[in-house]
Amino acid sequence: MIDTISMFKNRVLNEEKLLKFGFLRSSSGFCISRSIMCGQFKAEIYISDTSEISVRVYETENGQEYSPAYVTGVCGSFVGEVINECEDQLKLIAESCFDYEVFKSPQTKEIIEYAYSRYNDMLEFLWPKFPTDAVLRRKGTKKWYAVFMTIEKSKLGLNSDDMVEIIDMHAPPEDVDTWIKEKSCFPAYHMNKKHWYTICLDNSISSDEICRRLDISYLLAK
């Protein structure tokens, strides 16, 4: 069965990129036809306005639908090749026509945008085993000055299993000691607790103040 879900996880549709890729606008979304299996089949790919993905596969010669491609539990090397080629097309579309967006919090986005506008730095996703963790690092030294993650609040010692987006930043030890006494500021999660600390990106601390502290962290990453 064709996987139309996993490769689009944390991705947001970009209409401009879809149209440049060759998708056509329909009344309820976008569609494109892609040739697969050396022209033996064509995959009709539909993306709704709500980013729901569907694929129908047809034999090119007679136009008949090739239903084994999306029936759960169907086996066989040939149908496996058809499914693999469809998924290769979906992967290409995901990478070419969708923006990768792990972090949803408006405040997180503000901080990321600030780092780009001030330092021209973008998030780097360094760990395949942890695809939703990202860092900001200085171009010259390659040292990190911020780490972004999404974790359970309980991992910060809070009495909740709700998820929260956080940022780890570098600071002088005396500032770390002072700041971790604030609401939504904690001893560093997964970093050296003497030189790093964690902030919950839930607007408990203003974005202006976080950006000011990000500048401090940037200067320390030398």
N, C-alpha and C. Protein backbone atom coordinates (compact mmCIF):
# COMPACT_ATOMS: atom_id res chain seq x y z
N MET A 1 0.85 -1.20 0.00
CA MET A 1 0.00 0.00 0.00
C MET A 1 0.88 1.25 0.00
N ILE A 2 0.54 2.22 -0.81
CA ILE A 2 1.33 3.44 -0.93
C ILE A 2 1.24 4.26 0.35
N ASP A 3 2.40 4.66 0.87
CA ASP A 3 2.46 5.50 2.08
C ASP A 3 2.31 6.96 1.67
N THR A 4 1.18 7.56 2.01
CA THR A 4 0.94 8.97 1.68
C THR A 4 1.02 9.87 2.91
N ILE A 5 1.57 9.34 4.02
CA ILE A 5 1.55 10.10 5.27
C ILE A 5 2.94 10.46 5.78
N SER A 6 3.80 9.46 5.99
CA SER A 6 5.03 9.67 6.75
C SER A 6 5.95 10.71 6.13
N MET A 7 6.09 10.72 4.81
CA MET A 7 7.05 11.63 4.19
C MET A 7 6.57 13.09 4.18
N PHE A 8 5.28 13.31 4.50
CA PHE A 8 4.76 14.68 4.57
C PHE A 8 4.63 15.18 6.00
N LYS A 9 5.11 14.39 6.95
CA LYS A 9 5.04 14.79 8.36
C LYS A 9 5.87 16.06 8.58
N ASN A 10 5.32 17.00 9.31
CA ASN A 10 5.98 18.28 9.62
C ASN A 10 6.25 19.12 8.38
N ARG A 11 5.48 18.90 7.32
CA ARG A 11 5.64 19.69 6.10
C ARG A 11 4.37 20.49 5.82
N VAL A 12 4.55 21.70 5.33
CA VAL A 12 3.44 22.61 5.07
C VAL A 12 3.41 22.93 3.58
N LEU A 13 2.25 22.79 2.98
CA LEU A 13 2.08 23.03 1.55
C LEU A 13 2.47 24.44 1.17
N ASN A 14 3.23 24.54 0.06
CA ASN A 14 3.61 25.84 -0.49
C ASN A 14 3.04 25.91 -1.90
N GLU A 15 1.96 26.69 -2.06
CA GLU A 15 1.25 26.72 -3.35
C GLU A 15 2.14 27.18 -4.48
N GLU A 16 2.98 28.16 -4.25
CA GLU A 16 3.87 28.66 -5.30
C GLU A 16 4.80 27.56 -5.79
N LYS A 17 5.35 26.78 -4.87
CA LYS A 17 6.24 25.69 -5.25
C LYS A 17 5.49 24.58 -5.99
N LEU A 18 4.26 24.29 -5.56
CA LEU A 18 3.46 23.28 -6.24
C LEU A 18 3.24 23.64 -7.71
N LEU A 19 2.87 24.89 -7.96
CA LEU A 19 2.59 25.32 -9.33
C LEU A 19 3.86 25.32 -10.18
N LYS A 20 4.99 25.72 -9.59
CA LYS A 20 6.25 25.68 -10.32
C LYS A 20 6.66 24.25 -10.65
N PHE A 21 6.31 23.33 -9.78
CA PHE A 21 6.64 21.92 -9.98
C PHE A 21 5.84 21.32 -11.13
N GLY A 22 4.67 21.90 -11.40
CA GLY A 22 3.84 21.39 -12.49
C GLY A 22 2.44 21.00 -12.10
N PHE A 23 2.08 21.19 -10.83
CA PHE A 23 0.72 20.89 -10.40
C PHE A 23 -0.27 21.86 -11.04
N LEU A 24 -1.47 21.36 -11.31
CA LEU A 24 -2.55 22.19 -11.84
C LEU A 24 -3.56 22.44 -10.73
N ARG A 25 -4.09 23.66 -10.69
CA ARG A 25 -5.09 24.01 -9.68
C ARG A 25 -6.43 23.43 -10.08
N SER A 26 -7.11 22.80 -9.14
CA SER A 26 -8.47 22.33 -9.38
C SER A 26 -9.41 23.05 -8.42
N SER A 27 -10.67 22.70 -8.44
CA SER A 27 -11.64 23.40 -7.60
C SER A 27 -11.41 23.15 -6.12
N SER A 28 -10.78 22.02 -5.78
CA SER A 28 -10.62 21.68 -4.36
C SER A 28 -9.17 21.41 -3.96
N GLY A 29 -8.22 21.72 -4.85
CA GLY A 29 -6.83 21.47 -4.52
C GLY A 29 -5.93 21.50 -5.74
N PHE A 30 -5.02 20.52 -5.81
CA PHE A 30 -4.02 20.49 -6.87
C PHE A 30 -3.86 19.06 -7.37
N CYS A 31 -3.48 18.92 -8.64
CA CYS A 31 -3.30 17.57 -9.19
C CYS A 31 -2.15 17.57 -10.19
N ILE A 32 -1.54 16.40 -10.35
CA ILE A 32 -0.47 16.22 -11.31
C ILE A 32 -0.43 14.75 -11.72
N SER A 33 0.02 14.49 -12.93
CA SER A 33 0.18 13.12 -13.43
C SER A 33 1.66 12.86 -13.64
N ARG A 34 2.17 11.75 -13.09
CA ARG A 34 3.59 11.41 -13.20
C ARG A 34 3.73 10.02 -13.80
N SER A 35 4.60 9.90 -14.78
CA SER A 35 4.87 8.62 -15.41
C SER A 35 5.79 7.79 -14.53
N ILE A 36 5.46 6.50 -14.36
CA ILE A 36 6.29 5.60 -13.56
C ILE A 36 6.48 4.28 -14.29
N MET A 37 7.42 3.48 -13.81
CA MET A 37 7.70 2.15 -14.37
C MET A 37 7.97 2.23 -15.88
N CYS A 38 8.86 3.17 -16.24
CA CYS A 38 9.26 3.35 -17.65
C CYS A 38 8.06 3.59 -18.56
N GLY A 39 7.07 4.29 -18.04
CA GLY A 39 5.93 4.65 -18.85
C GLY A 39 4.80 3.64 -18.85
N GLN A 40 4.96 2.51 -18.17
CA GLN A 40 3.90 1.51 -18.13
C GLN A 40 2.68 1.99 -17.35
N PHE A 41 2.93 2.85 -16.38
CA PHE A 41 1.86 3.33 -15.52
C PHE A 41 1.96 4.85 -15.37
N LYS A 42 0.88 5.44 -14.92
CA LYS A 42 0.91 6.84 -14.51
C LYS A 42 0.27 6.96 -13.13
N ALA A 43 0.87 7.79 -12.32
CA ALA A 43 0.34 8.04 -10.98
C ALA A 43 -0.33 9.40 -10.98
N GLU A 44 -1.61 9.42 -10.68
CA GLU A 44 -2.36 10.67 -10.55
C GLU A 44 -2.33 11.08 -9.08
N ILE A 45 -1.69 12.19 -8.80
CA ILE A 45 -1.50 12.62 -7.42
C ILE A 45 -2.35 13.85 -7.15
N TYR A 46 -3.14 13.78 -6.09
CA TYR A 46 -4.05 14.86 -5.73
C TYR A 46 -3.69 15.37 -4.34
N ILE A 47 -3.66 16.68 -4.19
CA ILE A 47 -3.41 17.32 -2.90
C ILE A 47 -4.54 18.31 -2.65
N SER A 48 -5.31 18.07 -1.60
CA SER A 48 -6.45 18.94 -1.30
C SER A 48 -5.97 20.25 -0.68
N ASP A 49 -6.87 21.19 -0.58
CA ASP A 49 -6.54 22.47 0.06
C ASP A 49 -6.18 22.30 1.53
N THR A 50 -6.57 21.17 2.12
CA THR A 50 -6.22 20.89 3.51
C THR A 50 -5.01 19.95 3.61
N SER A 51 -4.28 19.82 2.48
CA SER A 51 -3.03 19.05 2.40
C SER A 51 -3.22 17.54 2.54
N GLU A 52 -4.41 17.04 2.27
CA GLU A 52 -4.61 15.60 2.24
C GLU A 52 -4.11 15.07 0.90
N ILE A 53 -3.33 13.98 0.95
CA ILE A 53 -2.69 13.43 -0.24
C ILE A 53 -3.39 12.15 -0.66
N SER A 54 -3.66 12.00 -1.95
CA SER A 54 -4.20 10.73 -2.47
C SER A 54 -3.54 10.41 -3.81
N VAL A 55 -3.42 9.13 -4.09
CA VAL A 55 -2.77 8.67 -5.32
C VAL A 55 -3.63 7.61 -5.97
N ARG A 56 -3.82 7.72 -7.27
CA ARG A 56 -4.47 6.67 -8.06
C ARG A 56 -3.51 6.28 -9.17
N VAL A 57 -3.39 4.98 -9.41
CA VAL A 57 -2.43 4.45 -10.39
C VAL A 57 -3.19 3.82 -11.54
N TYR A 58 -2.79 4.16 -12.78
CA TYR A 58 -3.46 3.66 -13.97
C TYR A 58 -2.45 3.05 -14.94
N GLU A 59 -2.88 2.01 -15.63
CA GLU A 59 -2.07 1.45 -16.71
C GLU A 59 -2.13 2.40 -17.90
N THR A 60 -0.97 2.75 -18.42
CA THR A 60 -0.92 3.76 -19.49
C THR A 60 -1.60 3.27 -20.76
N GLU A 61 -1.44 2.00 -21.09
CA GLU A 61 -1.93 1.48 -22.38
C GLU A 61 -3.45 1.49 -22.46
N ASN A 62 -4.12 1.07 -21.39
CA ASN A 62 -5.58 0.94 -21.48
C ASN A 62 -6.35 1.85 -20.51
N GLY A 63 -5.63 2.57 -19.65
CA GLY A 63 -6.28 3.48 -18.72
C GLY A 63 -6.97 2.83 -17.55
N GLN A 64 -6.79 1.50 -17.39
CA GLN A 64 -7.42 0.82 -16.27
C GLN A 64 -6.68 1.11 -14.96
N GLU A 65 -7.46 1.20 -13.90
CA GLU A 65 -6.86 1.48 -12.60
C GLU A 65 -6.14 0.24 -12.06
N TYR A 66 -4.95 0.47 -11.52
CA TYR A 66 -4.14 -0.62 -10.98
C TYR A 66 -4.32 -0.64 -9.47
N SER A 67 -5.40 -1.26 -9.02
CA SER A 67 -5.78 -1.21 -7.61
C SER A 67 -4.83 -1.91 -6.65
N PRO A 68 -4.04 -2.92 -7.05
CA PRO A 68 -3.13 -3.55 -6.09
C PRO A 68 -2.15 -2.56 -5.43
N ALA A 69 -1.91 -1.44 -6.07
CA ALA A 69 -0.94 -0.47 -5.53
C ALA A 69 -1.40 0.15 -4.22
N TYR A 70 -2.70 0.15 -3.95
CA TYR A 70 -3.17 0.76 -2.71
C TYR A 70 -4.14 -0.13 -1.95
N VAL A 71 -3.89 -1.42 -2.04
CA VAL A 71 -4.65 -2.39 -1.25
C VAL A 71 -3.74 -2.94 -0.16
N THR A 72 -4.16 -2.82 1.07
CA THR A 72 -3.35 -3.28 2.20
C THR A 72 -3.10 -4.78 2.12
N GLY A 73 -1.82 -5.17 2.31
CA GLY A 73 -1.47 -6.58 2.39
C GLY A 73 -1.16 -7.25 1.07
N VAL A 74 -1.28 -6.53 -0.05
CA VAL A 74 -0.96 -7.13 -1.35
C VAL A 74 0.55 -7.32 -1.46
N CYS A 75 0.98 -8.53 -1.87
CA CYS A 75 2.40 -8.85 -1.96
C CYS A 75 2.80 -9.06 -3.42
N GLY A 76 4.10 -9.18 -3.63
CA GLY A 76 4.62 -9.45 -4.96
C GLY A 76 5.66 -8.41 -5.36
N SER A 77 6.69 -8.88 -6.07
CA SER A 77 7.80 -8.00 -6.42
C SER A 77 7.36 -6.90 -7.39
N PHE A 78 6.46 -7.22 -8.32
CA PHE A 78 6.07 -6.23 -9.32
C PHE A 78 5.26 -5.09 -8.68
N VAL A 79 4.24 -5.48 -7.91
CA VAL A 79 3.45 -4.44 -7.26
C VAL A 79 4.31 -3.65 -6.29
N GLY A 80 5.31 -4.33 -5.69
CA GLY A 80 6.24 -3.63 -4.80
C GLY A 80 7.02 -2.55 -5.54
N GLU A 81 7.44 -2.84 -6.78
CA GLU A 81 8.16 -1.85 -7.59
C GLU A 81 7.26 -0.67 -7.92
N VAL A 82 5.99 -0.96 -8.25
CA VAL A 82 5.05 0.12 -8.55
C VAL A 82 4.87 1.03 -7.33
N ILE A 83 4.68 0.41 -6.16
CA ILE A 83 4.51 1.18 -4.93
C ILE A 83 5.76 2.02 -4.64
N ASN A 84 6.94 1.41 -4.80
CA ASN A 84 8.19 2.13 -4.52
C ASN A 84 8.35 3.35 -5.43
N GLU A 85 7.99 3.20 -6.71
CA GLU A 85 8.14 4.33 -7.63
C GLU A 85 7.12 5.43 -7.31
N CYS A 86 5.92 5.04 -6.88
CA CYS A 86 4.94 6.04 -6.46
C CYS A 86 5.45 6.79 -5.24
N GLU A 87 6.03 6.06 -4.30
CA GLU A 87 6.53 6.71 -3.08
C GLU A 87 7.75 7.58 -3.38
N ASP A 88 8.55 7.20 -4.38
CA ASP A 88 9.67 8.06 -4.80
C ASP A 88 9.13 9.39 -5.33
N GLN A 89 8.04 9.33 -6.08
CA GLN A 89 7.43 10.56 -6.60
C GLN A 89 6.89 11.42 -5.46
N LEU A 90 6.26 10.78 -4.48
CA LEU A 90 5.73 11.52 -3.33
C LEU A 90 6.85 12.15 -2.52
N LYS A 91 7.94 11.43 -2.35
CA LYS A 91 9.08 12.00 -1.62
C LYS A 91 9.63 13.22 -2.34
N LEU A 92 9.74 13.14 -3.66
CA LEU A 92 10.22 14.28 -4.45
C LEU A 92 9.28 15.48 -4.28
N ILE A 93 7.99 15.23 -4.31
CA ILE A 93 7.01 16.31 -4.15
C ILE A 93 7.10 16.91 -2.75
N ALA A 94 7.24 16.06 -1.74
CA ALA A 94 7.35 16.55 -0.35
C ALA A 94 8.54 17.48 -0.21
N GLU A 95 9.67 17.08 -0.79
CA GLU A 95 10.89 17.87 -0.66
C GLU A 95 10.89 19.13 -1.53
N SER A 96 10.19 19.06 -2.67
CA SER A 96 10.21 20.16 -3.63
C SER A 96 9.09 21.17 -3.45
N CYS A 97 7.96 20.72 -2.90
CA CYS A 97 6.76 21.56 -2.91
C CYS A 97 6.22 21.89 -1.53
N PHE A 98 6.84 21.37 -0.49
CA PHE A 98 6.37 21.62 0.86
C PHE A 98 7.52 22.21 1.68
N ASP A 99 7.18 23.08 2.60
CA ASP A 99 8.17 23.65 3.52
C ASP A 99 8.22 22.78 4.78
N TYR A 100 9.44 22.53 5.25
CA TYR A 100 9.62 21.73 6.46
C TYR A 100 9.38 22.61 7.67
N GLU A 101 8.41 22.25 8.47
CA GLU A 101 8.04 23.08 9.62
C GLU A 101 7.79 22.19 10.83
N VAL A 102 8.80 22.09 11.69
CA VAL A 102 8.69 21.28 12.89
C VAL A 102 8.02 22.05 14.01
N PHE A 103 8.39 23.31 14.15
CA PHE A 103 7.96 24.10 15.31
C PHE A 103 6.72 24.92 14.96
N LYS A 104 5.71 24.82 15.82
CA LYS A 104 4.41 25.44 15.55
C LYS A 104 4.16 26.70 16.37
N SER A 105 4.81 26.82 17.51
CA SER A 105 4.56 27.96 18.39
C SER A 105 4.89 29.28 17.71
N PRO A 106 3.97 30.26 17.74
CA PRO A 106 4.28 31.58 17.15
C PRO A 106 5.54 32.19 17.74
N GLN A 107 5.76 32.00 19.04
CA GLN A 107 6.96 32.59 19.64
C GLN A 107 8.22 31.91 19.12
N THR A 108 8.18 30.59 18.96
CA THR A 108 9.33 29.89 18.40
C THR A 108 9.66 30.45 17.02
N LYS A 109 8.63 30.65 16.21
CA LYS A 109 8.83 31.18 14.87
C LYS A 109 9.43 32.59 14.91
N GLU A 110 8.99 33.39 15.88
CA GLU A 110 9.56 34.73 16.03
C GLU A 110 11.05 34.67 16.29
N ILE A 111 11.47 33.77 17.18
CA ILE A 111 12.89 33.68 17.54
C ILE A 111 13.70 33.18 16.35
N ILE A 112 13.17 32.22 15.63
CA ILE A 112 13.85 31.69 14.45
C ILE A 112 14.01 32.79 13.39
N GLU A 113 12.94 33.56 13.19
CA GLU A 113 12.99 34.66 12.21
C GLU A 113 13.98 35.73 12.64
N TYR A 114 14.05 36.00 13.94
CA TYR A 114 15.00 36.98 14.44
C TYR A 114 16.44 36.54 14.16
N ALA A 115 16.75 35.27 14.42
CA ALA A 115 18.10 34.77 14.17
C ALA A 115 18.47 34.88 12.69
N TYR A 116 17.49 34.65 11.83
CA TYR A 116 17.77 34.76 10.39
C TYR A 116 17.98 36.21 9.97
N SER A 117 17.13 37.11 10.47
CA SER A 117 17.24 38.51 10.06
C SER A 117 18.50 39.17 10.63
N ARG A 118 18.91 38.80 11.84
CA ARG A 118 20.06 39.44 12.48
C ARG A 118 21.39 38.79 12.09
N TYR A 119 21.41 37.45 12.02
CA TYR A 119 22.67 36.75 11.80
C TYR A 119 22.72 35.93 10.51
N ASN A 120 21.59 35.92 9.80
CA ASN A 120 21.48 35.13 8.57
C ASN A 120 21.72 33.64 8.85
N ASP A 121 21.31 33.20 10.04
CA ASP A 121 21.45 31.80 10.43
C ASP A 121 20.10 31.11 10.36
N MET A 122 20.10 29.88 9.87
CA MET A 122 18.89 29.08 9.78
C MET A 122 19.03 27.83 10.63
N LEU A 123 17.91 27.25 11.00
CA LEU A 123 17.94 26.03 11.78
C LEU A 123 18.67 24.92 11.02
N GLU A 124 19.43 24.14 11.76
CA GLU A 124 20.10 22.97 11.22
C GLU A 124 19.61 21.74 11.98
N PHE A 125 19.13 20.75 11.24
CA PHE A 125 18.66 19.50 11.82
C PHE A 125 19.78 18.49 11.65
N LEU A 126 20.52 18.24 12.72
CA LEU A 126 21.79 17.51 12.63
C LEU A 126 21.67 16.02 12.90
N TRP A 127 20.56 15.59 13.50
CA TRP A 127 20.50 14.21 13.97
C TRP A 127 19.36 13.44 13.32
N PRO A 128 19.65 12.48 12.43
CA PRO A 128 18.60 11.68 11.80
C PRO A 128 17.72 10.95 12.81
N LYS A 129 18.30 10.55 13.95
CA LYS A 129 17.50 9.84 14.96
C LYS A 129 16.59 10.79 15.74
N PHE A 130 16.87 12.09 15.66
CA PHE A 130 16.05 13.10 16.34
C PHE A 130 15.70 14.21 15.35
N PRO A 131 14.83 13.88 14.40
CA PRO A 131 14.59 14.81 13.28
C PRO A 131 13.87 16.09 13.65
N THR A 132 13.33 16.18 14.87
CA THR A 132 12.62 17.40 15.26
C THR A 132 13.46 18.28 16.19
N ASP A 133 14.72 17.91 16.42
CA ASP A 133 15.63 18.75 17.21
C ASP A 133 16.51 19.54 16.25
N ALA A 134 16.74 20.81 16.58
CA ALA A 134 17.50 21.67 15.66
C ALA A 134 18.39 22.63 16.45
N VAL A 135 19.42 23.14 15.78
CA VAL A 135 20.34 24.08 16.42
C VAL A 135 20.53 25.31 15.54
N LEU A 136 20.96 26.39 16.19
CA LEU A 136 21.52 27.55 15.51
C LEU A 136 22.99 27.61 15.88
N ARG A 137 23.86 27.84 14.89
CA ARG A 137 25.28 27.95 15.21
C ARG A 137 25.94 29.02 14.35
N ARG A 138 26.99 29.59 14.91
CA ARG A 138 27.71 30.65 14.21
C ARG A 138 28.43 30.09 13.00
N LYS A 139 28.43 30.86 11.93
CA LYS A 139 29.07 30.39 10.70
C LYS A 139 30.58 30.26 10.86
N GLY A 140 31.19 31.21 11.55
CA GLY A 140 32.65 31.19 11.65
C GLY A 140 33.19 30.09 12.52
N THR A 141 32.58 29.91 13.69
CA THR A 141 33.11 28.94 14.66
C THR A 141 32.40 27.60 14.61
N LYS A 142 31.21 27.55 14.01
CA LYS A 142 30.37 26.35 13.98
C LYS A 142 29.89 25.94 15.36
N LYS A 143 30.01 26.85 16.33
CA LYS A 143 29.54 26.55 17.69
C LYS A 143 28.06 26.90 17.82
N TRP A 144 27.36 26.07 18.58
CA TRP A 144 25.94 26.30 18.80
C TRP A 144 25.72 27.50 19.71
N TYR A 145 24.64 28.23 19.44
CA TYR A 145 24.21 29.24 20.40
C TYR A 145 22.73 29.09 20.76
N ALA A 146 22.06 28.13 20.16
CA ALA A 146 20.68 27.82 20.55
C ALA A 146 20.33 26.41 20.09
N VAL A 147 19.54 25.75 20.91
CA VAL A 147 19.01 24.42 20.57
C VAL A 147 17.50 24.47 20.76
N PHE A 148 16.76 24.02 19.74
CA PHE A 148 15.30 24.00 19.80
C PHE A 148 14.82 22.55 19.86
N MET A 149 13.88 22.29 20.77
CA MET A 149 13.31 20.95 20.90
C MET A 149 11.85 21.05 21.30
N THR A 150 11.13 19.95 21.12
CA THR A 150 9.77 19.81 21.64
C THR A 150 9.78 18.63 22.60
N ILE A 151 9.43 18.88 23.85
CA ILE A 151 9.51 17.84 24.87
C ILE A 151 8.27 17.87 25.76
N GLU A 152 8.12 16.85 26.59
CA GLU A 152 7.06 16.84 27.59
C GLU A 152 7.45 17.77 28.74
N LYS A 153 6.49 18.51 29.24
CA LYS A 153 6.76 19.43 30.34
C LYS A 153 7.31 18.70 31.56
N SER A 154 6.92 17.45 31.73
CA SER A 154 7.38 16.69 32.89
C SER A 154 8.90 16.53 32.89
N LYS A 155 9.53 16.60 31.72
CA LYS A 155 10.98 16.47 31.65
C LYS A 155 11.69 17.70 32.21
N LEU A 156 10.93 18.77 32.42
CA LEU A 156 11.48 19.96 33.05
C LEU A 156 11.11 20.03 34.53
N GLY A 157 10.48 18.96 35.01
CA GLY A 157 10.07 18.94 36.41
C GLY A 157 8.69 19.48 36.65
N LEU A 158 7.94 19.77 35.59
CA LEU A 158 6.58 20.28 35.73
C LEU A 158 5.58 19.13 35.84
N ASN A 159 4.48 19.37 36.48
CA ASN A 159 3.48 18.33 36.69
C ASN A 159 2.51 18.27 35.51
N SER A 160 3.04 17.91 34.34
CA SER A 160 2.21 17.85 33.13
C SER A 160 2.94 17.03 32.07
N ASP A 161 2.17 16.26 31.31
CA ASP A 161 2.73 15.52 30.19
C ASP A 161 2.46 16.22 28.86
N ASP A 162 1.94 17.45 28.92
CA ASP A 162 1.73 18.23 27.69
C ASP A 162 3.07 18.51 27.03
N MET A 163 3.04 18.68 25.71
CA MET A 163 4.25 18.99 24.97
C MET A 163 4.48 20.50 24.96
N VAL A 164 5.75 20.89 24.97
CA VAL A 164 6.09 22.31 24.91
C VAL A 164 7.36 22.48 24.07
N GLU A 165 7.41 23.55 23.31
CA GLU A 165 8.63 23.87 22.55
C GLU A 165 9.57 24.66 23.44
N ILE A 166 10.86 24.31 23.39
CA ILE A 166 11.84 24.96 24.27
C ILE A 166 13.04 25.43 23.46
N ILE A 167 13.80 26.32 24.08
CA ILE A 167 15.08 26.75 23.52
C ILE A 167 16.12 26.65 24.64
N ASP A 168 17.25 26.05 24.32
CA ASP A 168 18.42 26.07 25.21
C ASP A 168 19.36 27.16 24.71
N MET A 169 19.87 27.98 25.65
CA MET A 169 20.82 29.02 25.27
C MET A 169 21.99 29.06 26.25
N HIS A 170 23.09 29.60 25.76
CA HIS A 170 24.33 29.74 26.50
C HIS A 170 24.28 31.07 27.27
N ALA A 171 24.87 31.09 28.48
CA ALA A 171 24.94 32.33 29.26
C ALA A 171 26.07 32.22 30.28
N PRO A 172 26.57 33.33 30.78
CA PRO A 172 27.55 33.28 31.86
C PRO A 172 26.93 32.56 33.07
N PRO A 173 27.72 31.80 33.82
CA PRO A 173 27.18 31.02 34.94
C PRO A 173 26.37 31.85 35.93
N GLU A 174 26.80 33.11 36.19
CA GLU A 174 26.06 33.92 37.16
C GLU A 174 24.66 34.28 36.64
N ASP A 175 24.54 34.46 35.30
CA ASP A 175 23.22 34.73 34.72
C ASP A 175 22.35 33.47 34.73
N VAL A 176 22.98 32.33 34.45
CA VAL A 176 22.23 31.07 34.51
C VAL A 176 21.62 30.89 35.89
N ASP A 177 22.41 31.11 36.93
CA ASP A 177 21.92 30.96 38.32
C ASP A 177 20.73 31.87 38.59
N THR A 178 20.78 33.09 38.05
CA THR A 178 19.69 34.05 38.27
C THR A 178 18.45 33.69 37.46
N TRP A 179 18.65 33.38 36.19
CA TRP A 179 17.52 33.20 35.29
C TRP A 179 16.73 31.93 35.56
N ILE A 180 17.37 30.87 36.03
CA ILE A 180 16.62 29.62 36.23
C ILE A 180 15.63 29.74 37.39
N LYS A 181 15.66 30.85 38.11
CA LYS A 181 14.69 31.09 39.17
C LYS A 181 13.40 31.72 38.62
N GLU A 182 13.42 32.10 37.34
CA GLU A 182 12.25 32.72 36.73
C GLU A 182 11.24 31.67 36.30
N LYS A 183 10.00 32.10 36.16
CA LYS A 183 8.97 31.25 35.59
C LYS A 183 9.31 30.94 34.13
N SER A 184 9.10 29.69 33.74
CA SER A 184 9.36 29.22 32.36
C SER A 184 10.83 29.22 31.99
N CYS A 185 11.71 29.30 32.99
CA CYS A 185 13.16 29.21 32.76
C CYS A 185 13.69 28.10 33.67
N PHE A 186 14.48 27.18 33.12
CA PHE A 186 14.82 25.95 33.84
C PHE A 186 16.30 25.60 33.64
N PRO A 187 16.84 24.76 34.53
CA PRO A 187 18.17 24.20 34.25
C PRO A 187 18.18 23.54 32.88
N ALA A 188 19.30 23.63 32.20
CA ALA A 188 19.37 23.21 30.80
C ALA A 188 18.94 21.76 30.61
N TYR A 189 18.09 21.55 29.61
CA TYR A 189 17.67 20.21 29.23
C TYR A 189 18.68 19.66 28.22
N HIS A 190 19.36 18.58 28.59
CA HIS A 190 20.32 17.90 27.72
C HIS A 190 21.55 18.74 27.39
N MET A 191 21.85 19.74 28.19
CA MET A 191 23.05 20.56 27.98
C MET A 191 23.72 20.78 29.34
N ASN A 192 24.94 21.33 29.30
CA ASN A 192 25.69 21.63 30.52
C ASN A 192 24.93 22.66 31.36
N LYS A 193 24.56 22.27 32.57
CA LYS A 193 23.69 23.12 33.38
C LYS A 193 24.41 24.31 34.00
N LYS A 194 25.72 24.34 33.92
CA LYS A 194 26.45 25.49 34.43
C LYS A 194 26.44 26.63 33.41
N HIS A 195 26.49 26.28 32.15
CA HIS A 195 26.64 27.30 31.10
C HIS A 195 25.41 27.45 30.21
N TRP A 196 24.43 26.57 30.37
CA TRP A 196 23.24 26.62 29.52
C TRP A 196 21.99 26.60 30.39
N TYR A 197 20.90 27.07 29.84
CA TYR A 197 19.61 27.03 30.53
C TYR A 197 18.51 26.89 29.48
N THR A 198 17.31 26.58 29.93
CA THR A 198 16.18 26.31 29.04
C THR A 198 15.05 27.29 29.29
N ILE A 199 14.44 27.75 28.21
CA ILE A 199 13.24 28.59 28.29
C ILE A 199 12.11 27.91 27.54
N CYS A 200 10.92 27.88 28.14
CA CYS A 200 9.72 27.42 27.44
C CYS A 200 9.23 28.54 26.52
N LEU A 201 9.00 28.18 25.29
CA LEU A 201 8.56 29.18 24.31
C LEU A 201 7.03 29.25 24.28
N ASP A 202 6.49 29.73 25.41
CA ASP A 202 5.04 29.81 25.59
C ASP A 202 4.59 31.22 25.95
N ASN A 203 5.45 32.21 25.65
CA ASN A 203 5.16 33.63 25.91
C ASN A 203 5.19 34.01 27.39
N SER A 204 5.66 33.11 28.25
CA SER A 204 5.82 33.49 29.66
C SER A 204 6.96 34.50 29.82
N ILE A 205 7.92 34.43 28.92
CA ILE A 205 8.99 35.42 28.82
C ILE A 205 8.85 36.06 27.44
N SER A 206 8.93 37.36 27.36
CA SER A 206 8.67 38.06 26.10
C SER A 206 9.68 37.69 25.02
N SER A 207 9.25 37.77 23.79
CA SER A 207 10.14 37.49 22.66
C SER A 207 11.30 38.46 22.61
N ASP A 208 11.03 39.73 22.94
CA ASP A 208 12.12 40.73 22.95
C ASP A 208 13.22 40.34 23.94
N GLU A 209 12.81 39.87 25.12
CA GLU A 209 13.79 39.47 26.12
C GLU A 209 14.55 38.21 25.67
N ILE A 210 13.84 37.27 25.08
CA ILE A 210 14.51 36.05 24.60
C ILE A 210 15.51 36.40 23.49
N CYS A 211 15.14 37.31 22.61
CA CYS A 211 16.06 37.72 21.55
C CYS A 211 17.29 38.42 22.13
N ARG A 212 17.08 39.20 23.17
CA ARG A 212 18.22 39.85 23.84
C ARG A 212 19.18 38.80 24.40
N ARG A 213 18.62 37.77 24.99
CA ARG A 213 19.45 36.71 25.54
C ARG A 213 20.07 35.85 24.44
N LEU A 214 19.37 35.74 23.32
CA LEU A 214 19.95 35.02 22.18
C LEU A 214 21.21 35.74 21.69
N ASP A 215 21.19 37.07 21.71
CA ASP A 215 22.39 37.83 21.32
C ASP A 215 23.55 37.53 22.27
N ILE A 216 23.26 37.39 23.55
CA ILE A 216 24.31 37.03 24.51
C ILE A 216 24.86 35.65 24.19
N SER A 217 23.98 34.72 23.93
CA SER A 217 24.41 33.35 23.61
C SER A 217 25.26 33.33 22.35
N TYR A 218 24.86 34.14 21.37
CA TYR A 218 25.61 34.22 20.11
C TYR A 218 27.04 34.72 20.37
N LEU A 219 27.18 35.73 21.18
CA LEU A 219 28.51 36.29 21.48
C LEU A 219 29.39 35.28 22.20
N LEU A 220 28.78 34.43 23.00
CA LEU A 220 29.55 33.42 23.75
C LEU A 220 30.00 32.25 22.85
N ALA A 221 29.36 32.10 21.70
CA ALA A 221 29.72 31.00 20.80
C ALA A 221 30.86 31.41 19.88
N LYS A 222 31.97 31.83 20.47
CA LYS A 222 33.09 32.34 19.68
C LYS A 222 34.29 31.41 19.76
